[in-house]
Amino acid sequence: DLYLHINVKSSNEFERRGFDIHNKLNIPVAKAVLGGTVDIKTIHGTAELKIPAGTQSHTTFKLKDKGIHTEGNEKGNHYVLVEISIPQKLSHEEKELYEKIASLEGIPKKKGLFS
């Protein structure tokens, strides 16, 4: 008799749930607001994911049939959880642009101690 015991190393990028694959993707604020496309690494190679304008943080997108494929023709999906990266440091120009956006949205300027 021959017994094989196989251990599969877990991935730092992907999480498997049944036949489905899950991962997280950080996108910049501008990409979430304006939309665009991003390349996603899947277990089958690279796939293009369309990010619609106005995407909210913690939105999950599905890449159909990009999960685990079995010999029985079962196909899982690849799910991408989008998180929006908020910049912690801004250049002077970026700060001015965000202040302009805040002004257009009716958000009052932050008052400092000596303002």
PDB file of N, CA and C in Angstrom:
ATOM      1  N   ASP A   1       0.842  -1.193   0.000  1.00  0.00           N
ATOM      2  CA  ASP A   1       0.000   0.000   0.000  1.00  0.00           C
ATOM      3  C   ASP A   1       0.880   1.248   0.000  1.00  0.00           C
ATOM      4  N   LEU A   2       0.415   2.239  -0.713  1.00  0.00           N
ATOM      5  CA  LEU A   2       1.113   3.517  -0.774  1.00  0.00           C
ATOM      6  C   LEU A   2       0.150   4.602  -0.308  1.00  0.00           C
ATOM      7  N   TYR A   3       0.576   5.352   0.678  1.00  0.00           N
ATOM      8  CA  TYR A   3      -0.231   6.457   1.185  1.00  0.00           C
ATOM      9  C   TYR A   3       0.488   7.752   0.905  1.00  0.00           C
ATOM     10  N   LEU A   4      -0.217   8.673   0.287  1.00  0.00           N
ATOM     11  CA  LEU A   4       0.332  10.003   0.030  1.00  0.00           C
ATOM     12  C   LEU A   4      -0.412  11.018   0.869  1.00  0.00           C
ATOM     13  N   HIS A   5       0.336  11.880   1.487  1.00  0.00           N
ATOM     14  CA  HIS A   5      -0.259  12.976   2.252  1.00  0.00           C
ATOM     15  C   HIS A   5       0.278  14.266   1.635  1.00  0.00           C
ATOM     16  N   ILE A   6      -0.617  15.064   1.056  1.00  0.00           N
ATOM     17  CA  ILE A   6      -0.211  16.285   0.362  1.00  0.00           C
ATOM     18  C   ILE A   6      -0.695  17.500   1.142  1.00  0.00           C
ATOM     19  N   ASN A   7       0.220  18.390   1.407  1.00  0.00           N
ATOM     20  CA  ASN A   7      -0.123  19.668   2.039  1.00  0.00           C
ATOM     21  C   ASN A   7       0.008  20.769   1.001  1.00  0.00           C
ATOM     22  N   VAL A   8      -1.005  21.609   0.895  1.00  0.00           N
ATOM     23  CA  VAL A   8      -0.973  22.729  -0.029  1.00  0.00           C
ATOM     24  C   VAL A   8      -0.704  23.989   0.775  1.00  0.00           C
ATOM     25  N   LYS A   9       0.364  24.681   0.387  1.00  0.00           N
ATOM     26  CA  LYS A   9       0.736  25.901   1.080  1.00  0.00           C
ATOM     27  C   LYS A   9      -0.292  26.994   0.787  1.00  0.00           C
ATOM     28  N   SER A  10      -0.721  27.705   1.823  1.00  0.00           N
ATOM     29  CA  SER A  10      -1.691  28.781   1.613  1.00  0.00           C
ATOM     30  C   SER A  10      -1.012  29.974   0.944  1.00  0.00           C
ATOM     31  N   SER A  11      -1.808  30.759   0.255  1.00  0.00           N
ATOM     32  CA  SER A  11      -1.315  31.905  -0.505  1.00  0.00           C
ATOM     33  C   SER A  11      -1.443  33.181   0.315  1.00  0.00           C
ATOM     34  N   ASN A  12      -0.499  34.088   0.132  1.00  0.00           N
ATOM     35  CA  ASN A  12      -0.605  35.413   0.761  1.00  0.00           C
ATOM     36  C   ASN A  12      -1.530  36.327  -0.037  1.00  0.00           C
ATOM     37  N   GLU A  13      -1.776  35.986  -1.305  1.00  0.00           N
ATOM     38  CA  GLU A  13      -2.583  36.828  -2.181  1.00  0.00           C
ATOM     39  C   GLU A  13      -4.041  36.402  -2.254  1.00  0.00           C
ATOM     40  N   PHE A  14      -4.287  35.096  -2.246  1.00  0.00           N
ATOM     41  CA  PHE A  14      -5.618  34.569  -2.478  1.00  0.00           C
ATOM     42  C   PHE A  14      -6.125  33.783  -1.284  1.00  0.00           C
ATOM     43  N   GLU A  15      -7.449  33.742  -1.170  1.00  0.00           N
ATOM     44  CA  GLU A  15      -8.098  32.885  -0.183  1.00  0.00           C
ATOM     45  C   GLU A  15      -9.078  31.999  -0.945  1.00  0.00           C
ATOM     46  N   ARG A  16      -9.011  30.716  -0.709  1.00  0.00           N
ATOM     47  CA  ARG A  16      -9.912  29.782  -1.386  1.00  0.00           C
ATOM     48  C   ARG A  16     -11.088  29.480  -0.480  1.00  0.00           C
ATOM     49  N   ARG A  17     -12.293  29.549  -1.064  1.00  0.00           N
ATOM     50  CA  ARG A  17     -13.518  29.152  -0.375  1.00  0.00           C
ATOM     51  C   ARG A  17     -14.282  28.240  -1.328  1.00  0.00           C
ATOM     52  N   GLY A  18     -14.156  26.944  -1.120  1.00  0.00           N
ATOM     53  CA  GLY A  18     -14.754  25.988  -2.049  1.00  0.00           C
ATOM     54  C   GLY A  18     -14.050  26.097  -3.391  1.00  0.00           C
ATOM     55  N   PHE A  19     -14.819  26.339  -4.447  1.00  0.00           N
ATOM     56  CA  PHE A  19     -14.238  26.508  -5.781  1.00  0.00           C
ATOM     57  C   PHE A  19     -13.958  27.976  -6.096  1.00  0.00           C
ATOM     58  N   ASP A  20     -14.286  28.872  -5.177  1.00  0.00           N
ATOM     59  CA  ASP A  20     -14.109  30.305  -5.399  1.00  0.00           C
ATOM     60  C   ASP A  20     -12.798  30.811  -4.809  1.00  0.00           C
ATOM     61  N   ILE A  21     -12.270  31.846  -5.443  1.00  0.00           N
ATOM     62  CA  ILE A  21     -11.057  32.515  -4.998  1.00  0.00           C
ATOM     63  C   ILE A  21     -11.437  33.942  -4.582  1.00  0.00           C
ATOM     64  N   HIS A  22     -10.861  34.413  -3.480  1.00  0.00           N
ATOM     65  CA  HIS A  22     -11.128  35.767  -2.994  1.00  0.00           C
ATOM     66  C   HIS A  22      -9.797  36.489  -2.774  1.00  0.00           C
ATOM     67  N   ASN A  23      -9.797  37.788  -3.084  1.00  0.00           N
ATOM     68  CA  ASN A  23      -8.648  38.610  -2.715  1.00  0.00           C
ATOM     69  C   ASN A  23      -9.090  40.058  -2.562  1.00  0.00           C
ATOM     70  N   LYS A  24      -8.197  40.876  -2.015  1.00  0.00           N
ATOM     71  CA  LYS A  24      -8.467  42.302  -1.802  1.00  0.00           C
ATOM     72  C   LYS A  24      -7.624  43.112  -2.767  1.00  0.00           C
ATOM     73  N   LEU A  25      -8.149  44.275  -3.117  1.00  0.00           N
ATOM     74  CA  LEU A  25      -7.438  45.182  -4.009  1.00  0.00           C
ATOM     75  C   LEU A  25      -7.590  46.599  -3.491  1.00  0.00           C
ATOM     76  N   ASN A  26      -6.471  47.282  -3.293  1.00  0.00           N
ATOM     77  CA  ASN A  26      -6.501  48.692  -2.905  1.00  0.00           C
ATOM     78  C   ASN A  26      -6.414  49.541  -4.164  1.00  0.00           C
ATOM     79  N   ILE A  27      -7.323  50.519  -4.263  1.00  0.00           N
ATOM     80  CA  ILE A  27      -7.291  51.436  -5.400  1.00  0.00           C
ATOM     81  C   ILE A  27      -7.245  52.868  -4.862  1.00  0.00           C
ATOM     82  N   PRO A  28      -6.655  53.790  -5.629  1.00  0.00           N
ATOM     83  CA  PRO A  28      -6.624  55.180  -5.201  1.00  0.00           C
ATOM     84  C   PRO A  28      -8.004  55.837  -5.301  1.00  0.00           C
ATOM     85  N   VAL A  29      -8.190  56.909  -4.560  1.00  0.00           N
ATOM     86  CA  VAL A  29      -9.458  57.637  -4.530  1.00  0.00           C
ATOM     87  C   VAL A  29      -9.883  58.026  -5.944  1.00  0.00           C
ATOM     88  N   ALA A  30      -8.962  58.553  -6.732  1.00  0.00           N
ATOM     89  CA  ALA A  30      -9.305  59.012  -8.078  1.00  0.00           C
ATOM     90  C   ALA A  30      -9.878  57.880  -8.926  1.00  0.00           C
ATOM     91  N   LYS A  31      -9.328  56.683  -8.816  1.00  0.00           N
ATOM     92  CA  LYS A  31      -9.828  55.528  -9.585  1.00  0.00           C
ATOM     93  C   LYS A  31     -11.246  55.181  -9.137  1.00  0.00           C
ATOM     94  N   ALA A  32     -11.520  55.263  -7.837  1.00  0.00           N
ATOM     95  CA  ALA A  32     -12.858  54.971  -7.324  1.00  0.00           C
ATOM     96  C   ALA A  32     -13.869  56.014  -7.799  1.00  0.00           C
ATOM     97  N   VAL A  33     -13.469  57.268  -7.808  1.00  0.00           N
ATOM     98  CA  VAL A  33     -14.375  58.351  -8.203  1.00  0.00           C
ATOM     99  C   VAL A  33     -14.595  58.370  -9.710  1.00  0.00           C
ATOM    100  N   LEU A  34     -13.525  58.274 -10.480  1.00  0.00           N
ATOM    101  CA  LEU A  34     -13.606  58.435 -11.928  1.00  0.00           C
ATOM    102  C   LEU A  34     -13.826  57.127 -12.683  1.00  0.00           C
ATOM    103  N   GLY A  35     -13.465  55.998 -12.068  1.00  0.00           N
ATOM    104  CA  GLY A  35     -13.577  54.711 -12.729  1.00  0.00           C
ATOM    105  C   GLY A  35     -12.348  54.413 -13.573  1.00  0.00           C
ATOM    106  N   GLY A  36     -12.330  53.249 -14.164  1.00  0.00           N
ATOM    107  CA  GLY A  36     -11.212  52.827 -15.005  1.00  0.00           C
ATOM    108  C   GLY A  36     -11.083  51.321 -14.964  1.00  0.00           C
ATOM    109  N   THR A  37      -9.939  50.841 -15.378  1.00  0.00           N
ATOM    110  CA  THR A  37      -9.692  49.399 -15.352  1.00  0.00           C
ATOM    111  C   THR A  37      -8.419  49.114 -14.571  1.00  0.00           C
ATOM    112  N   VAL A  38      -8.359  47.917 -14.016  1.00  0.00           N
ATOM    113  CA  VAL A  38      -7.164  47.452 -13.315  1.00  0.00           C
ATOM    114  C   VAL A  38      -6.908  46.010 -13.735  1.00  0.00           C
ATOM    115  N   ASP A  39      -5.654  45.624 -13.735  1.00  0.00           N
ATOM    116  CA  ASP A  39      -5.291  44.239 -14.001  1.00  0.00           C
ATOM    117  C   ASP A  39      -5.287  43.480 -12.686  1.00  0.00           C
ATOM    118  N   ILE A  40      -5.938  42.339 -12.681  1.00  0.00           N
ATOM    119  CA  ILE A  40      -6.049  41.490 -11.498  1.00  0.00           C
ATOM    120  C   ILE A  40      -5.306  40.190 -11.766  1.00  0.00           C
ATOM    121  N   LYS A  41      -4.450  39.822 -10.840  1.00  0.00           N
ATOM    122  CA  LYS A  41      -3.770  38.533 -10.931  1.00  0.00           C
ATOM    123  C   LYS A  41      -4.744  37.458 -10.453  1.00  0.00           C
ATOM    124  N   THR A  42      -4.977  36.458 -11.301  1.00  0.00           N
ATOM    125  CA  THR A  42      -5.828  35.335 -10.928  1.00  0.00           C
ATOM    126  C   THR A  42      -4.988  34.060 -11.001  1.00  0.00           C
ATOM    127  N   ILE A  43      -5.577  32.936 -10.614  1.00  0.00           N
ATOM    128  CA  ILE A  43      -4.850  31.670 -10.706  1.00  0.00           C
ATOM    129  C   ILE A  43      -4.716  31.211 -12.151  1.00  0.00           C
ATOM    130  N   HIS A  44      -5.413  31.883 -13.067  1.00  0.00           N
ATOM    131  CA  HIS A  44      -5.353  31.553 -14.498  1.00  0.00           C
ATOM    132  C   HIS A  44      -4.540  32.569 -15.281  1.00  0.00           C
ATOM    133  N   GLY A  45      -3.912  33.517 -14.612  1.00  0.00           N
ATOM    134  CA  GLY A  45      -3.184  34.585 -15.292  1.00  0.00           C
ATOM    135  C   GLY A  45      -3.789  35.932 -14.916  1.00  0.00           C
ATOM    136  N   THR A  46      -3.594  36.908 -15.781  1.00  0.00           N
ATOM    137  CA  THR A  46      -4.077  38.256 -15.507  1.00  0.00           C
ATOM    138  C   THR A  46      -5.425  38.484 -16.187  1.00  0.00           C
ATOM    139  N   ALA A  47      -6.329  39.141 -15.470  1.00  0.00           N
ATOM    140  CA  ALA A  47      -7.645  39.490 -16.018  1.00  0.00           C
ATOM    141  C   ALA A  47      -7.855  40.987 -15.799  1.00  0.00           C
ATOM    142  N   GLU A  48      -8.632  41.590 -16.680  1.00  0.00           N
ATOM    143  CA  GLU A  48      -8.937  43.013 -16.557  1.00  0.00           C
ATOM    144  C   GLU A  48     -10.253  43.170 -15.809  1.00  0.00           C
ATOM    145  N   LEU A  49     -10.252  44.056 -14.816  1.00  0.00           N
ATOM    146  CA  LEU A  49     -11.453  44.332 -14.027  1.00  0.00           C
ATOM    147  C   LEU A  49     -11.847  45.777 -14.256  1.00  0.00           C
ATOM    148  N   LYS A  50     -13.108  45.999 -14.628  1.00  0.00           N
ATOM    149  CA  LYS A  50     -13.613  47.351 -14.834  1.00  0.00           C
ATOM    150  C   LYS A  50     -14.106  47.896 -13.500  1.00  0.00           C
ATOM    151  N   ILE A  51     -13.570  49.045 -13.121  1.00  0.00           N
ATOM    152  CA  ILE A  51     -14.006  49.738 -11.910  1.00  0.00           C
ATOM    153  C   ILE A  51     -14.949  50.859 -12.354  1.00  0.00           C
ATOM    154  N   PRO A  52     -16.247  50.760 -12.048  1.00  0.00           N
ATOM    155  CA  PRO A  52     -17.167  51.815 -12.462  1.00  0.00           C
ATOM    156  C   PRO A  52     -16.929  53.104 -11.669  1.00  0.00           C
ATOM    157  N   ALA A  53     -17.218  54.236 -12.293  1.00  0.00           N
ATOM    158  CA  ALA A  53     -17.127  55.524 -11.589  1.00  0.00           C
ATOM    159  C   ALA A  53     -18.055  55.488 -10.379  1.00  0.00           C
ATOM    160  N   GLY A  54     -17.586  56.024  -9.266  1.00  0.00           N
ATOM    161  CA  GLY A  54     -18.388  56.066  -8.049  1.00  0.00           C
ATOM    162  C   GLY A  54     -18.325  54.802  -7.215  1.00  0.00           C
ATOM    163  N   THR A  55     -17.343  53.953  -7.464  1.00  0.00           N
ATOM    164  CA  THR A  55     -17.200  52.716  -6.689  1.00  0.00           C
ATOM    165  C   THR A  55     -16.930  53.047  -5.224  1.00  0.00           C
ATOM    166  N   GLN A  56     -17.658  52.405  -4.339  1.00  0.00           N
ATOM    167  CA  GLN A  56     -17.508  52.602  -2.903  1.00  0.00           C
ATOM    168  C   GLN A  56     -16.526  51.579  -2.328  1.00  0.00           C
ATOM    169  N   SER A  57     -15.885  51.952  -1.224  1.00  0.00           N
ATOM    170  CA  SER A  57     -14.998  51.023  -0.543  1.00  0.00           C
ATOM    171  C   SER A  57     -15.791  49.809  -0.080  1.00  0.00           C
ATOM    172  N   HIS A  58     -15.152  48.666  -0.100  1.00  0.00           N
ATOM    173  CA  HIS A  58     -15.710  47.374   0.304  1.00  0.00           C
ATOM    174  C   HIS A  58     -16.756  46.853  -0.682  1.00  0.00           C
ATOM    175  N   THR A  59     -16.671  47.304  -1.933  1.00  0.00           N
ATOM    176  CA  THR A  59     -17.482  46.731  -3.002  1.00  0.00           C
ATOM    177  C   THR A  59     -16.778  45.462  -3.484  1.00  0.00           C
ATOM    178  N   THR A  60     -17.559  44.414  -3.733  1.00  0.00           N
ATOM    179  CA  THR A  60     -17.007  43.158  -4.229  1.00  0.00           C
ATOM    180  C   THR A  60     -17.406  42.963  -5.687  1.00  0.00           C
ATOM    181  N   PHE A  61     -16.415  42.653  -6.516  1.00  0.00           N
ATOM    182  CA  PHE A  61     -16.641  42.377  -7.928  1.00  0.00           C
ATOM    183  C   PHE A  61     -16.379  40.896  -8.185  1.00  0.00           C
ATOM    184  N   LYS A  62     -17.105  40.345  -9.171  1.00  0.00           N
ATOM    185  CA  LYS A  62     -16.969  38.926  -9.505  1.00  0.00           C
ATOM    186  C   LYS A  62     -16.358  38.780 -10.887  1.00  0.00           C
ATOM    187  N   LEU A  63     -15.303  37.978 -10.963  1.00  0.00           N
ATOM    188  CA  LEU A  63     -14.730  37.562 -12.243  1.00  0.00           C
ATOM    189  C   LEU A  63     -15.232  36.142 -12.482  1.00  0.00           C
ATOM    190  N   LYS A  64     -16.206  36.017 -13.367  1.00  0.00           N
ATOM    191  CA  LYS A  64     -16.876  34.730 -13.608  1.00  0.00           C
ATOM    192  C   LYS A  64     -15.898  33.692 -14.168  1.00  0.00           C
ATOM    193  N   ASP A  65     -15.983  32.498 -13.619  1.00  0.00           N
ATOM    194  CA  ASP A  65     -15.205  31.334 -14.062  1.00  0.00           C
ATOM    195  C   ASP A  65     -13.690  31.518 -13.935  1.00  0.00           C
ATOM    196  N   LYS A  66     -13.244  32.404 -13.050  1.00  0.00           N
ATOM    197  CA  LYS A  66     -11.800  32.605 -12.841  1.00  0.00           C
ATOM    198  C   LYS A  66     -11.331  31.950 -11.543  1.00  0.00           C
ATOM    199  N   GLY A  67     -12.174  31.081 -10.966  1.00  0.00           N
ATOM    200  CA  GLY A  67     -11.802  30.364  -9.755  1.00  0.00           C
ATOM    201  C   GLY A  67     -11.259  28.987 -10.085  1.00  0.00           C
ATOM    202  N   ILE A  68     -11.525  28.028  -9.215  1.00  0.00           N
ATOM    203  CA  ILE A  68     -11.043  26.659  -9.370  1.00  0.00           C
ATOM    204  C   ILE A  68     -11.895  25.942 -10.410  1.00  0.00           C
ATOM    205  N   HIS A  69     -11.238  25.234 -11.336  1.00  0.00           N
ATOM    206  CA  HIS A  69     -11.926  24.404 -12.322  1.00  0.00           C
ATOM    207  C   HIS A  69     -11.663  22.952 -11.964  1.00  0.00           C
ATOM    208  N   THR A  70     -12.704  22.131 -12.006  1.00  0.00           N
ATOM    209  CA  THR A  70     -12.555  20.716 -11.684  1.00  0.00           C
ATOM    210  C   THR A  70     -12.711  19.874 -12.942  1.00  0.00           C
ATOM    211  N   GLU A  71     -12.348  18.620 -12.834  1.00  0.00           N
ATOM    212  CA  GLU A  71     -12.524  17.706 -13.958  1.00  0.00           C
ATOM    213  C   GLU A  71     -14.002  17.484 -14.249  1.00  0.00           C
ATOM    214  N   GLY A  72     -14.859  17.714 -13.281  1.00  0.00           N
ATOM    215  CA  GLY A  72     -16.304  17.562 -13.458  1.00  0.00           C
ATOM    216  C   GLY A  72     -16.948  18.801 -14.056  1.00  0.00           C
ATOM    217  N   ASN A  73     -16.149  19.679 -14.664  1.00  0.00           N
ATOM    218  CA  ASN A  73     -16.617  20.909 -15.307  1.00  0.00           C
ATOM    219  C   ASN A  73     -17.234  21.926 -14.348  1.00  0.00           C
ATOM    220  N   GLU A  74     -16.970  21.780 -13.068  1.00  0.00           N
ATOM    221  CA  GLU A  74     -17.401  22.814 -12.134  1.00  0.00           C
ATOM    222  C   GLU A  74     -16.390  23.946 -12.189  1.00  0.00           C
ATOM    223  N   LYS A  75     -16.903  25.181 -12.177  1.00  0.00           N
ATOM    224  CA  LYS A  75     -16.028  26.340 -12.248  1.00  0.00           C
ATOM    225  C   LYS A  75     -16.399  27.317 -11.152  1.00  0.00           C
ATOM    226  N   GLY A  76     -15.390  27.713 -10.411  1.00  0.00           N
ATOM    227  CA  GLY A  76     -15.610  28.721  -9.396  1.00  0.00           C
ATOM    228  C   GLY A  76     -15.370  30.105  -9.965  1.00  0.00           C
ATOM    229  N   ASN A  77     -15.635  31.102  -9.166  1.00  0.00           N
ATOM    230  CA  ASN A  77     -15.435  32.492  -9.552  1.00  0.00           C
ATOM    231  C   ASN A  77     -14.315  33.104  -8.730  1.00  0.00           C
ATOM    232  N   HIS A  78     -13.844  34.246  -9.173  1.00  0.00           N
ATOM    233  CA  HIS A  78     -12.821  34.992  -8.445  1.00  0.00           C
ATOM    234  C   HIS A  78     -13.495  36.278  -7.968  1.00  0.00           C
ATOM    235  N   TYR A  79     -13.506  36.507  -6.665  1.00  0.00           N
ATOM    236  CA  TYR A  79     -14.139  37.689  -6.079  1.00  0.00           C
ATOM    237  C   TYR A  79     -13.058  38.658  -5.607  1.00  0.00           C
ATOM    238  N   VAL A  80     -13.228  39.930  -5.971  1.00  0.00           N
ATOM    239  CA  VAL A  80     -12.265  40.972  -5.623  1.00  0.00           C
ATOM    240  C   VAL A  80     -12.960  41.995  -4.734  1.00  0.00           C
ATOM    241  N   LEU A  81     -12.480  42.126  -3.505  1.00  0.00           N
ATOM    242  CA  LEU A  81     -12.990  43.131  -2.570  1.00  0.00           C
ATOM    243  C   LEU A  81     -12.141  44.389  -2.724  1.00  0.00           C
ATOM    244  N   VAL A  82     -12.782  45.479  -3.127  1.00  0.00           N
ATOM    245  CA  VAL A  82     -12.068  46.727  -3.375  1.00  0.00           C
ATOM    246  C   VAL A  82     -12.071  47.581  -2.107  1.00  0.00           C
ATOM    247  N   GLU A  83     -10.888  48.033  -1.738  1.00  0.00           N
ATOM    248  CA  GLU A  83     -10.734  48.986  -0.642  1.00  0.00           C
ATOM    249  C   GLU A  83     -10.077  50.230  -1.213  1.00  0.00           C
ATOM    250  N   ILE A  84     -10.550  51.393  -0.783  1.00  0.00           N
ATOM    251  CA  ILE A  84     -10.041  52.653  -1.311  1.00  0.00           C
ATOM    252  C   ILE A  84      -8.924  53.162  -0.415  1.00  0.00           C
ATOM    253  N   SER A  85      -7.791  53.448  -1.042  1.00  0.00           N
ATOM    254  CA  SER A  85      -6.623  53.952  -0.316  1.00  0.00           C
ATOM    255  C   SER A  85      -6.742  55.468  -0.161  1.00  0.00           C
ATOM    256  N   ILE A  86      -6.809  55.909   1.068  1.00  0.00           N
ATOM    257  CA  ILE A  86      -6.858  57.339   1.370  1.00  0.00           C
ATOM    258  C   ILE A  86      -5.434  57.803   1.629  1.00  0.00           C
ATOM    259  N   PRO A  87      -4.977  58.819   0.889  1.00  0.00           N
ATOM    260  CA  PRO A  87      -3.596  59.271   1.092  1.00  0.00           C
ATOM    261  C   PRO A  87      -3.412  59.869   2.487  1.00  0.00           C
ATOM    262  N   GLN A  88      -2.278  59.575   3.091  1.00  0.00           N
ATOM    263  CA  GLN A  88      -1.975  60.115   4.417  1.00  0.00           C
ATOM    264  C   GLN A  88      -1.154  61.389   4.333  1.00  0.00           C
ATOM    265  N   LYS A  89      -0.420  61.551   3.253  1.00  0.00           N
ATOM    266  CA  LYS A  89       0.369  62.760   3.046  1.00  0.00           C
ATOM    267  C   LYS A  89       0.025  63.304   1.671  1.00  0.00           C
ATOM    268  N   LEU A  90      -0.197  64.591   1.594  1.00  0.00           N
ATOM    269  CA  LEU A  90      -0.548  65.234   0.339  1.00  0.00           C
ATOM    270  C   LEU A  90       0.497  66.277  -0.031  1.00  0.00           C
ATOM    271  N   SER A  91       0.730  66.403  -1.333  1.00  0.00           N
ATOM    272  CA  SER A  91       1.556  67.513  -1.801  1.00  0.00           C
ATOM    273  C   SER A  91       0.733  68.792  -1.672  1.00  0.00           C
ATOM    274  N   HIS A  92       1.383  69.912  -1.803  1.00  0.00           N
ATOM    275  CA  HIS A  92       0.678  71.197  -1.710  1.00  0.00           C
ATOM    276  C   HIS A  92      -0.421  71.263  -2.776  1.00  0.00           C
ATOM    277  N   GLU A  93      -0.101  70.824  -3.996  1.00  0.00           N
ATOM    278  CA  GLU A  93      -1.072  70.854  -5.094  1.00  0.00           C
ATOM    279  C   GLU A  93      -2.260  69.926  -4.820  1.00  0.00           C
ATOM    280  N   GLU A  94      -1.980  68.727  -4.304  1.00  0.00           N
ATOM    281  CA  GLU A  94      -3.060  67.796  -3.981  1.00  0.00           C
ATOM    282  C   GLU A  94      -3.963  68.376  -2.901  1.00  0.00           C
ATOM    283  N   LYS A  95      -3.374  68.988  -1.887  1.00  0.00           N
ATOM    284  CA  LYS A  95      -4.165  69.589  -0.805  1.00  0.00           C
ATOM    285  C   LYS A  95      -5.069  70.680  -1.356  1.00  0.00           C
ATOM    286  N   GLU A  96      -4.534  71.527  -2.240  1.00  0.00           N
ATOM    287  CA  GLU A  96      -5.346  72.578  -2.843  1.00  0.00           C
ATOM    288  C   GLU A  96      -6.507  71.996  -3.650  1.00  0.00           C
ATOM    289  N   LEU A  97      -6.248  70.913  -4.389  1.00  0.00           N
ATOM    290  CA  LEU A  97      -7.302  70.280  -5.175  1.00  0.00           C
ATOM    291  C   LEU A  97      -8.394  69.695  -4.281  1.00  0.00           C
ATOM    292  N   TYR A  98      -7.997  69.034  -3.196  1.00  0.00           N
ATOM    293  CA  TYR A  98      -8.994  68.483  -2.276  1.00  0.00           C
ATOM    294  C   TYR A  98      -9.776  69.601  -1.587  1.00  0.00           C
ATOM    295  N   GLU A  99      -9.115  70.708  -1.269  1.00  0.00           N
ATOM    296  CA  GLU A  99      -9.829  71.851  -0.677  1.00  0.00           C
ATOM    297  C   GLU A  99     -10.823  72.437  -1.671  1.00  0.00           C
ATOM    298  N   LYS A 100     -10.471  72.464  -2.946  1.00  0.00           N
ATOM    299  CA  LYS A 100     -11.382  72.948  -3.992  1.00  0.00           C
ATOM    300  C   LYS A 100     -12.594  72.023  -4.084  1.00  0.00           C
ATOM    301  N   ILE A 101     -12.355  70.710  -4.061  1.00  0.00           N
ATOM    302  CA  ILE A 101     -13.461  69.750  -4.097  1.00  0.00           C
ATOM    303  C   ILE A 101     -14.355  69.938  -2.879  1.00  0.00           C
ATOM    304  N   ALA A 102     -13.748  70.089  -1.705  1.00  0.00           N
ATOM    305  CA  ALA A 102     -14.519  70.294  -0.474  1.00  0.00           C
ATOM    306  C   ALA A 102     -15.375  71.551  -0.582  1.00  0.00           C
ATOM    307  N   SER A 103     -14.805  72.604  -1.137  1.00  0.00           N
ATOM    308  CA  SER A 103     -15.543  73.854  -1.322  1.00  0.00           C
ATOM    309  C   SER A 103     -16.740  73.643  -2.248  1.00  0.00           C
ATOM    310  N   LEU A 104     -16.530  72.915  -3.343  1.00  0.00           N
ATOM    311  CA  LEU A 104     -17.624  72.634  -4.274  1.00  0.00           C
ATOM    312  C   LEU A 104     -18.727  71.795  -3.628  1.00  0.00           C
ATOM    313  N   GLU A 105     -18.345  70.965  -2.669  1.00  0.00           N
ATOM    314  CA  GLU A 105     -19.311  70.116  -1.964  1.00  0.00           C
ATOM    315  C   GLU A 105     -19.937  70.825  -0.763  1.00  0.00           C
ATOM    316  N   GLY A 106     -19.535  72.080  -0.522  1.00  0.00           N
ATOM    317  CA  GLY A 106     -20.103  72.846   0.583  1.00  0.00           C
ATOM    318  C   GLY A 106     -19.531  72.514   1.939  1.00  0.00           C
ATOM    319  N   ILE A 107     -18.360  71.890   1.956  1.00  0.00           N
ATOM    320  CA  ILE A 107     -17.714  71.545   3.226  1.00  0.00           C
ATOM    321  C   ILE A 107     -16.868  72.750   3.648  1.00  0.00           C
ATOM    322  N   PRO A 108     -17.134  73.308   4.834  1.00  0.00           N
ATOM    323  CA  PRO A 108     -16.368  74.487   5.259  1.00  0.00           C
ATOM    324  C   PRO A 108     -14.902  74.147   5.503  1.00  0.00           C
ATOM    325  N   LYS A 109     -14.051  75.158   5.279  1.00  0.00           N
ATOM    326  CA  LYS A 109     -12.619  74.979   5.533  1.00  0.00           C
ATOM    327  C   LYS A 109     -12.390  74.711   7.010  1.00  0.00           C
ATOM    328  N   LYS A 110     -11.425  73.850   7.283  1.00  0.00           N
ATOM    329  CA  LYS A 110     -11.051  73.536   8.664  1.00  0.00           C
ATOM    330  C   LYS A 110     -10.389  74.761   9.270  1.00  0.00           C
ATOM    331  N   LYS A 111     -10.861  75.166  10.407  1.00  0.00           N
ATOM    332  CA  LYS A 111     -10.317  76.343  11.086  1.00  0.00           C
ATOM    333  C   LYS A 111      -9.208  75.918  12.033  1.00  0.00           C
ATOM    334  N   GLY A 112      -8.082  76.576  11.901  1.00  0.00           N
ATOM    335  CA  GLY A 112      -6.957  76.306  12.777  1.00  0.00           C
ATOM    336  C   GLY A 112      -7.008  77.195  14.006  1.00  0.00           C
ATOM    337  N   LEU A 113      -6.067  77.039  14.886  1.00  0.00           N
ATOM    338  CA  LEU A 113      -6.004  77.806  16.124  1.00  0.00           C
ATOM    339  C   LEU A 113      -5.871  79.304  15.858  1.00  0.00           C
ATOM    340  N   PHE A 114      -5.120  79.662  14.806  1.00  0.00           N
ATOM    341  CA  PHE A 114      -4.854  81.075  14.535  1.00  0.00           C
ATOM    342  C   PHE A 114      -5.605  81.573  13.303  1.00  0.00           C
ATOM    343  N   SER A 115      -6.623  80.846  12.815  1.00  0.00           N
ATOM    344  CA  SER A 115      -7.361  81.251  11.616  1.00  0.00           C
ATOM    345  C   SER A 115      -8.462  82.227  11.955  1.00  0.00           C
TER     346      SER A 115
END
